[in-house]
Protein backbone atom coordinates (compact mmCIF):
# COMPACT_ATOMS: atom_id res chain seq x y z
CA MET A 1 0.00 0.00 0.00
CA GLY A 2 2.90 2.34 0.71
CA SER A 3 4.15 2.13 -2.87
CA PHE A 4 0.64 2.89 -4.16
CA LEU A 5 0.40 6.02 -2.05
CA LYS A 6 3.89 7.11 -3.14
CA ARG A 7 3.09 6.53 -6.81
CA TYR A 8 -0.02 8.70 -6.60
CA GLU A 9 1.14 11.22 -4.00
CA ASN A 10 -0.01 14.13 -6.21
CA GLU A 11 -3.51 12.65 -6.52
CA PRO A 12 -6.09 12.45 -3.73
CA ALA A 13 -5.78 8.66 -3.32
CA SER A 14 -7.65 7.11 -0.43
CA LEU A 15 -7.55 3.75 1.28
CA ALA A 16 -10.77 2.83 -0.55
CA ASP A 17 -9.12 3.68 -3.91
CA ALA A 18 -6.14 1.50 -3.04
CA ALA A 19 -8.43 -1.38 -2.07
CA LEU A 20 -10.34 -1.19 -5.37
CA ILE A 21 -7.10 -1.09 -7.35
CA ARG A 22 -5.82 -4.13 -5.46
CA LEU A 23 -9.06 -5.99 -6.19
CA ALA A 24 -8.64 -5.10 -9.88
CA GLU A 25 -5.12 -6.56 -9.74
CA ILE A 26 -6.18 -9.91 -8.28
CA ASN A 27 -9.17 -10.32 -10.61
CA ASP A 28 -8.33 -11.56 -14.13
CA SER A 29 -11.04 -9.53 -15.87
CA PRO A 30 -12.10 -6.65 -13.64
CA LEU A 31 -14.72 -4.07 -14.51
CA LEU A 32 -15.09 -1.15 -12.12
CA LEU A 33 -18.27 0.92 -11.93
CA THR A 34 -17.41 4.34 -10.52
CA THR A 35 -18.14 8.04 -10.69
CA ASP A 36 -14.62 8.83 -9.43
CA SER A 37 -12.61 10.34 -12.30
CA ASP A 38 -9.32 9.50 -10.54
CA PHE A 39 -9.68 5.93 -11.78
CA GLN A 40 -8.84 7.16 -15.28
CA ILE A 41 -5.37 7.90 -13.87
CA TYR A 42 -4.84 4.87 -11.63
CA ARG A 43 -3.25 1.74 -13.10
CA ARG A 44 -3.24 -1.88 -12.02
CA HIS A 45 0.08 -3.72 -11.96
CA GLY A 46 1.68 -0.30 -12.46
CA ARG A 47 0.85 0.00 -16.18
CA GLN A 48 -2.51 -1.49 -17.13
CA MET A 49 -5.60 0.67 -17.30
CA ILE A 50 -8.47 -0.51 -15.14
CA PRO A 51 -11.56 -1.23 -17.26
CA LEU A 52 -14.17 1.31 -16.17
CA VAL A 53 -17.86 1.98 -16.54
CA GLN A 54 -18.55 5.62 -15.75
CA PRO A 55 -22.00 7.18 -16.02
């Protein structure tokens, strides 16, 4: 978790954001439903975009 917070220290990352990113990393085909635009910036495994559904 420490490396996640360091990587996104200029973004308002929260513990909940970190938990969702971790869940996206351990799931082979994640799909995240969110209204949080920060997830367009966050990456799983450091480089892969997280598939999003945003209303």
